[in-house]
Protein backbone atom coordinates (compact mmCIF):
# COMPACT_ATOMS: atom_id res chain seq x y z
CA MET A 1 0.00 -0.02 0.07
CA GLY A 2 2.94 2.42 0.70
CA LYS A 3 3.82 2.53 -3.03
CA ASP A 4 0.29 3.41 -4.39
CA PRO A 5 -0.09 6.83 -5.84
CA LYS A 6 -1.49 9.35 -3.44
CA ILE A 7 -5.34 9.31 -3.55
CA THR A 8 -7.30 12.42 -2.66
CA THR A 9 -10.87 12.95 -1.60
CA THR A 10 -12.92 15.93 -0.63
CA VAL A 11 -14.76 16.64 2.77
CA SER A 12 -18.48 17.42 2.07
CA THR A 13 -20.49 20.18 3.58
CA LYS A 14 -21.90 17.54 6.11
CA GLY A 15 -18.27 16.42 7.01
CA GLN A 16 -18.44 13.28 5.10
CA VAL A 17 -15.31 11.71 3.34
CA ILE A 18 -15.55 9.19 0.55
CA LEU A 19 -13.04 6.41 0.89
CA PRO A 20 -11.94 5.17 -2.51
CA ALA A 21 -13.41 1.69 -3.55
CA ALA A 22 -9.83 0.16 -3.91
CA VAL A 23 -9.04 1.09 -0.10
CA ARG A 24 -12.51 -0.25 1.08
CA LYS A 25 -12.11 -3.50 -0.95
CA ARG A 26 -8.44 -3.97 0.38
CA ARG A 27 -9.72 -3.36 3.87
CA GLY A 28 -12.91 -5.41 3.63
CA TRP A 29 -14.82 -2.29 4.74
CA ASN A 30 -18.34 -2.79 3.43
CA THR A 31 -21.35 -0.76 3.96
CA GLY A 32 -22.04 -0.23 7.61
CA THR A 33 -18.53 -0.88 8.86
CA LYS A 34 -17.84 1.02 12.14
CA LEU A 35 -14.43 2.90 12.15
CA ILE A 36 -12.44 4.48 15.09
CA VAL A 37 -11.38 7.82 14.23
CA GLU A 38 -8.15 8.60 15.90
CA GLU A 39 -5.95 12.08 15.58
CA THR A 40 -2.33 11.29 15.60
CA LYS A 41 0.75 13.66 15.13
CA GLN A 42 0.86 12.56 11.39
CA GLY A 43 -2.84 13.11 10.75
CA VAL A 44 -6.11 11.10 11.06
CA LEU A 45 -6.05 7.31 11.40
CA LEU A 46 -9.16 5.28 10.65
CA LYS A 47 -9.32 1.69 12.28
CA GLU A 48 -11.99 -0.81 12.06
CA LYS A 49 -14.05 -1.13 15.19
CA SER A 50 -14.19 -4.69 16.63
CA PRO A 51 -17.85 -5.99 16.58
CA PHE A 52 -17.28 -7.24 20.21
CA PRO A 53 -16.71 -5.47 23.32
CA PRO A 54 -13.14 -5.49 24.75
CA THR A 55 -12.69 -8.65 27.03
CA ARG A 56 -11.06 -8.13 30.44
CA MET A 57 -9.08 -10.86 32.07
CA GLU A 58 -11.22 -10.39 35.24
CA ASP A 59 -14.36 -11.25 33.07
CA VAL A 60 -13.03 -14.67 32.08
CA TYR A 61 -10.44 -15.56 34.74
CA GLY A 62 -13.07 -17.27 36.97
CA ALA A 63 -13.28 -20.36 35.00
CA ALA A 64 -9.71 -21.13 35.72
CA HIS A 65 -10.67 -21.74 39.41
CA TYR A 66 -13.08 -24.68 38.60
CA LYS A 67 -12.28 -27.47 40.99
CA GLY A 68 -15.21 -29.92 39.97
CA PRO A 69 -15.01 -33.15 37.91
CA PRO A 70 -13.85 -32.81 34.38
CA VAL A 71 -16.65 -31.99 31.91
CA SER A 72 -17.06 -33.23 28.40
CA ILE A 73 -17.22 -31.02 25.33
CA GLU A 74 -20.90 -32.50 24.88
CA GLU A 75 -21.79 -31.74 28.59
CA MET A 76 -20.49 -28.10 27.83
CA ASP A 77 -22.70 -27.81 24.72
CA GLN A 78 -25.62 -29.06 26.55
CA ALA A 79 -25.25 -26.48 29.26
CA ILE A 80 -24.77 -23.64 26.73
CA GLU A 81 -27.81 -24.82 24.95
CA ARG A 82 -29.97 -24.87 28.23
CA GLU A 83 -28.67 -21.36 29.08
CA VAL A 84 -29.68 -20.06 25.57
CA LEU A 85 -33.15 -21.50 25.73
CA ARG A 86 -33.60 -20.19 29.36
CA ARG A 87 -32.54 -16.68 28.26
CA HIS A 88 -34.71 -16.88 25.07
CA ALA A 89 -37.76 -17.85 27.18
CA ARG A 90 -37.15 -14.82 29.34
CA GLY A 91 -37.04 -12.63 26.21
CA ARG A 92 -33.21 -11.99 26.83
CA TYR A 93 -32.50 -12.71 23.17
């Protein structure tokens, strides 16, 4: 990408900027892609926003303390399915 000729675009009266199709295609940025706008010393940086919230270690670390008997993948899948059905019945999905 560094050897591509410089591409220019124009800021509209609404503050909108059209990203060239070649750039969007290379990045996989389709309609509706959320971007993070970050000001840097060199200019403005656009980064794709993750569709998932950031995960903190304390949010997932608790599973490492499990002291019960080993559980099979099938048992885990069944437990997940039960929880999904429970939440669906409560209107949480």
